Protein backbone atom coordinates (compact mmCIF):
# COMPACT_ATOMS: atom_id res chain seq x y z
CA MET A 1 -16.45 -21.97 6.54
CA GLY A 2 -14.13 -23.77 8.99
CA GLN A 3 -12.09 -25.04 6.17
CA TRP A 4 -11.59 -21.53 4.70
CA ASN A 5 -10.87 -20.11 8.22
CA ARG A 6 -8.03 -22.61 8.57
CA PHE A 7 -6.79 -21.89 5.00
CA LEU A 8 -6.83 -18.19 5.58
CA ALA A 9 -5.49 -18.02 9.11
CA PRO A 10 -1.82 -18.04 8.10
CA TYR A 11 -2.54 -15.24 5.66
CA LYS A 12 -3.86 -13.15 8.44
CA GLU A 13 -0.91 -13.87 10.60
CA ALA A 14 1.48 -12.83 7.73
CA VAL A 15 -0.47 -9.54 7.16
CA ASP A 16 -0.44 -8.68 10.97
CA GLU A 17 3.24 -9.46 11.25
CA LEU A 18 4.30 -7.60 8.09
CA LYS A 19 2.32 -4.55 9.28
CA VAL A 20 4.03 -4.44 12.55
CA LYS A 21 7.52 -4.92 10.91
CA PHE A 22 6.92 -2.24 8.28
CA LYS A 23 5.48 0.24 10.83
CA GLY A 24 8.59 -0.48 12.88
CA MET A 25 10.67 0.63 9.88
CA ARG A 26 8.94 4.06 9.83
CA SER A 27 9.54 4.36 13.62
CA GLN A 28 13.18 3.56 13.09
CA PHE A 29 13.56 6.56 10.70
CA GLU A 30 11.64 8.85 13.22
CA ASN A 31 14.02 7.67 16.08
CA GLU A 32 16.95 8.79 14.03
CA ASN A 33 15.31 12.16 13.13
CA THR A 34 15.32 11.18 9.46
CA ASN A 35 12.51 11.72 7.06
CA SER A 36 10.79 8.39 6.64
CA PRO A 37 10.04 7.22 3.05
CA ILE A 38 7.04 5.44 4.50
CA GLU A 39 3.99 7.55 5.33
CA PHE A 40 1.80 4.83 6.59
CA VAL A 41 1.08 1.02 6.21
CA THR A 42 -2.20 -0.83 5.71
CA GLY A 43 -3.04 -4.47 5.18
CA ARG A 44 -5.79 -6.90 4.54
CA VAL A 45 -6.62 -10.52 3.84
CA LYS A 46 -8.60 -10.77 0.52
CA PRO A 47 -12.32 -11.32 1.28
CA LEU A 48 -13.88 -14.58 0.16
CA ALA A 49 -16.15 -12.86 -2.37
CA SER A 50 -13.00 -11.38 -4.03
CA ILE A 51 -11.25 -14.78 -3.98
CA TYR A 52 -14.31 -16.33 -5.69
CA ASP A 53 -14.26 -13.68 -8.39
CA LYS A 54 -10.60 -14.40 -9.04
CA THR A 55 -11.18 -18.15 -9.29
CA LEU A 56 -13.76 -17.58 -11.88
CA GLU A 57 -11.39 -15.21 -13.75
CA LYS A 58 -8.53 -17.80 -13.56
CA GLY A 59 -10.66 -20.81 -14.10
CA ILE A 60 -9.67 -22.65 -10.99
CA PRO A 61 -11.92 -24.39 -8.30
CA PHE A 62 -13.16 -22.21 -5.47
CA GLU A 63 -11.71 -24.30 -2.65
CA PRO A 64 -8.69 -24.13 -0.34
CA SER A 65 -5.82 -25.76 -2.15
CA GLU A 66 -2.17 -25.42 -2.94
CA LYS A 67 -3.04 -24.47 -6.50
CA LEU A 68 -5.27 -21.58 -5.34
CA ALA A 69 -2.55 -20.43 -2.96
CA HIS A 70 0.02 -20.46 -5.86
CA GLN A 71 -2.29 -18.81 -8.41
CA LEU A 72 -3.62 -16.06 -6.11
CA GLN A 73 -0.59 -14.08 -5.00
CA ASP A 74 -2.49 -11.26 -3.35
CA ILE A 75 -4.62 -13.14 -0.71
CA ALA A 76 -2.34 -11.35 1.76
CA GLY A 77 -2.04 -7.73 0.80
CA ILE A 78 0.05 -4.88 2.12
CA ARG A 79 -0.01 -1.29 1.15
CA MET A 80 2.92 1.04 1.95
CA MET A 81 2.09 4.72 1.29
CA CYS A 82 4.84 7.27 0.41
CA GLN A 83 4.72 11.06 0.17
CA PHE A 84 7.00 11.28 -2.82
CA VAL A 85 7.54 9.17 -5.99
CA GLY A 86 11.27 8.92 -5.15
CA ASP A 87 10.36 7.37 -1.81
CA ILE A 88 9.09 4.29 -3.59
CA GLU A 89 12.42 3.27 -4.89
CA THR A 90 13.86 3.74 -1.38
CA VAL A 91 11.22 1.52 0.06
CA VAL A 92 11.70 -1.23 -2.50
CA GLY A 93 15.41 -1.08 -1.80
CA LEU A 94 14.72 -1.60 1.92
CA LEU A 95 12.51 -4.64 0.99
CA ARG A 96 15.29 -6.17 -1.18
CA GLN A 97 17.70 -6.01 1.96
CA ARG A 98 15.40 -7.85 4.37
CA LYS A 99 16.29 -11.39 5.44
CA ASP A 100 12.86 -12.27 6.78
CA LEU A 101 11.12 -12.48 3.27
CA ARG A 102 12.01 -13.55 -0.20
CA ILE A 103 11.05 -11.47 -3.14
CA ILE A 104 9.47 -13.56 -5.85
CA GLU A 105 8.53 -10.91 -8.40
CA GLU A 106 8.49 -7.18 -8.93
CA LYS A 107 5.98 -5.31 -11.15
CA ASP A 108 6.73 -1.68 -12.02
CA TYR A 109 3.33 0.03 -12.85
CA ILE A 110 4.85 3.49 -12.27
CA SER A 111 7.23 3.49 -15.15
CA ASN A 112 4.86 1.28 -17.16
CA GLU A 113 1.39 2.32 -15.96
CA LYS A 114 -1.63 0.22 -16.92
CA GLN A 115 -3.95 1.31 -19.78
CA SER A 116 -6.47 2.48 -17.18
CA GLY A 117 -3.99 4.93 -15.72
CA TYR A 118 -3.16 2.74 -12.64
CA ARG A 119 0.18 3.45 -11.06
CA SER A 120 1.86 1.48 -8.27
CA TYR A 121 4.82 -0.65 -7.54
CA HIS A 122 4.07 -4.36 -6.68
CA VAL A 123 6.39 -6.61 -4.95
CA ILE A 124 5.39 -10.33 -4.52
CA VAL A 125 7.16 -11.94 -1.48
CA GLU A 126 7.31 -15.29 0.11
CA TYR A 127 6.96 -14.83 3.89
CA PRO A 128 7.40 -17.71 6.43
CA VAL A 129 4.71 -17.96 9.10
CA GLN A 130 5.23 -20.14 12.13
CA THR A 131 2.23 -22.30 12.95
CA ILE A 132 1.61 -25.13 15.45
CA ASN A 133 2.03 -27.50 12.47
CA GLY A 134 5.44 -26.01 11.56
CA GLU A 135 6.56 -23.27 9.12
CA GLN A 136 4.20 -22.32 6.23
CA LEU A 137 5.52 -20.09 3.36
CA ILE A 138 2.79 -17.55 2.40
CA LEU A 139 2.75 -15.45 -0.79
CA ALA A 140 1.85 -11.81 -0.14
CA GLU A 141 1.64 -8.77 -2.43
CA ILE A 142 3.10 -5.48 -1.23
CA GLN A 143 1.92 -2.42 -3.14
CA ILE A 144 3.94 0.77 -2.71
CA ARG A 145 2.45 3.96 -4.00
CA THR A 146 2.13 7.62 -3.32
CA LEU A 147 -0.88 9.18 -1.61
CA ALA A 148 -2.16 10.53 -4.81
CA MET A 149 -1.81 7.12 -6.54
CA ASN A 150 -3.61 5.56 -3.68
CA PHE A 151 -6.47 8.03 -3.91
CA TRP A 152 -6.98 7.36 -7.60
CA ALA A 153 -6.69 3.61 -7.13
CA SER A 154 -9.38 3.70 -4.38
CA ILE A 155 -11.81 5.60 -6.56
CA GLU A 156 -11.10 3.40 -9.62
CA HIS A 157 -11.54 0.24 -7.53
CA SER A 158 -14.91 1.35 -6.41
CA LEU A 159 -16.06 2.31 -9.98
CA ASN A 160 -14.88 -0.99 -11.19
CA TYR A 161 -17.22 -2.80 -8.81
CA LYS A 162 -20.16 -0.59 -9.95
CA TYR A 163 -19.55 -1.09 -13.71
CA LYS A 164 -18.13 -4.75 -13.43
CA GLY A 165 -14.92 -3.78 -15.15
CA VAL A 166 -16.71 -2.29 -18.25
CA PHE A 167 -16.51 1.45 -17.80
CA PRO A 168 -18.59 3.96 -19.93
CA GLU A 169 -16.31 5.71 -22.31
CA GLU A 170 -16.71 9.10 -20.56
CA ILE A 171 -15.88 7.67 -17.24
CA LYS A 172 -12.88 5.85 -18.66
CA ASN A 173 -11.52 9.00 -20.25
CA ARG A 174 -12.08 10.93 -17.09
CA LEU A 175 -10.25 8.41 -15.02
CA GLN A 176 -7.29 8.36 -17.38
CA ARG A 177 -7.07 12.16 -17.23
CA ALA A 178 -7.44 12.03 -13.40
CA ALA A 179 -4.60 9.52 -13.22
CA GLU A 180 -2.33 11.79 -15.35
CA ALA A 181 -3.35 14.75 -13.11
CA ALA A 182 -2.45 12.71 -9.93
CA PHE A 183 0.91 11.85 -11.44
CA GLN A 184 1.60 15.45 -12.35
CA LEU A 185 0.74 16.43 -8.76
CA ASP A 186 3.39 13.92 -7.56
CA GLU A 187 5.94 15.28 -9.96
CA GLU A 188 5.22 18.90 -8.82
CA MET A 189 5.50 17.95 -5.18
CA SER A 190 8.77 16.15 -5.84
CA GLN A 191 10.26 19.38 -7.24
CA ILE A 192 9.67 21.14 -3.98
CA ARG A 193 10.43 18.09 -1.69
CA ASP A 194 13.12 19.74 0.32
CA GLU A 195 10.88 22.66 1.23
CA ILE A 196 7.99 20.45 2.13
CA GLN A 197 10.11 18.33 4.44
CA GLU A 198 11.61 21.40 6.02
CA ALA A 199 8.21 22.77 6.74
CA GLN A 200 7.07 19.49 8.16
CA ALA A 201 10.02 19.29 10.35
CA TYR A 202 9.52 22.89 11.64
CA PHE A 203 5.89 22.20 12.27
CA THR A 204 6.57 19.05 14.28
CA GLU A 205 9.22 20.85 16.31
CA PHE A 206 7.06 23.81 16.87
CA LYS A 207 3.97 21.69 17.77
CA ASP A 208 5.81 19.77 20.35
CA SER A 209 7.66 22.65 21.96
CA PRO A 210 6.51 23.49 25.51
CA GLY A 211 3.79 26.14 25.91
CA THR A 212 2.46 25.81 22.42
CA HIS A 213 -1.10 24.71 21.76
CA PHE A 214 -3.55 25.14 18.88
CA ARG A 215 -6.91 26.71 18.77
CA ASN A 216 -9.53 24.77 16.97
CA ASP A 217 -12.00 27.60 16.05
CA ARG A 218 -13.48 29.02 12.83
CA GLU A 219 -10.48 31.28 12.23
CA GLY A 220 -8.29 28.15 11.77
CA GLY A 221 -5.93 26.24 14.01
CA ARG A 222 -3.77 29.15 15.08
CA ALA A 223 -0.88 28.39 17.38
CA GLU A 224 -0.77 30.18 20.69
CA ARG A 225 1.89 30.39 23.39
């Protein structure tokens, strides 16, 4: 395990640093009283069990190596969630402008969704991590998606483990219909984007105004002054 811990340590460092930086981007929008295209950010280092499954799939040895680091581009994973589909393009544009990482590849699964119905925008980046042994370039996968896309992907991921990637036909069809329904929800919400953001801004201003508090009772969270 010591060998794996040493191998994965820079990936953990990359995930931690990128999370802080991307959350900082959201804060910058808030400080400028501008709607942020980033709703929230999460990250993880791929568990060893998942790395093992990937090595079997790709036919490479399950051992820390440069080949494994090159073949598995998502050992370090970041997810950036957006409210609206249009925000995804904005976030991708912000990533392209950054000088602290280098984009290696982009995969648009929104315009070209997978057969399963999966939608997301993937950006593979090369990120420099500073270690006691010098700089190490780490590959990381950044997934950018809406909240609806993320909900669907989380459910599909769980079912994928249950059925080992071979879904019963009924489940497969239902997932595809659910994916389309989630995308339609995103499309509908995008049509009333301005109204939603105005309401959110009003709620935030109203909630933070002096003398306002919310009751948390069975009648709902009514505001009182």
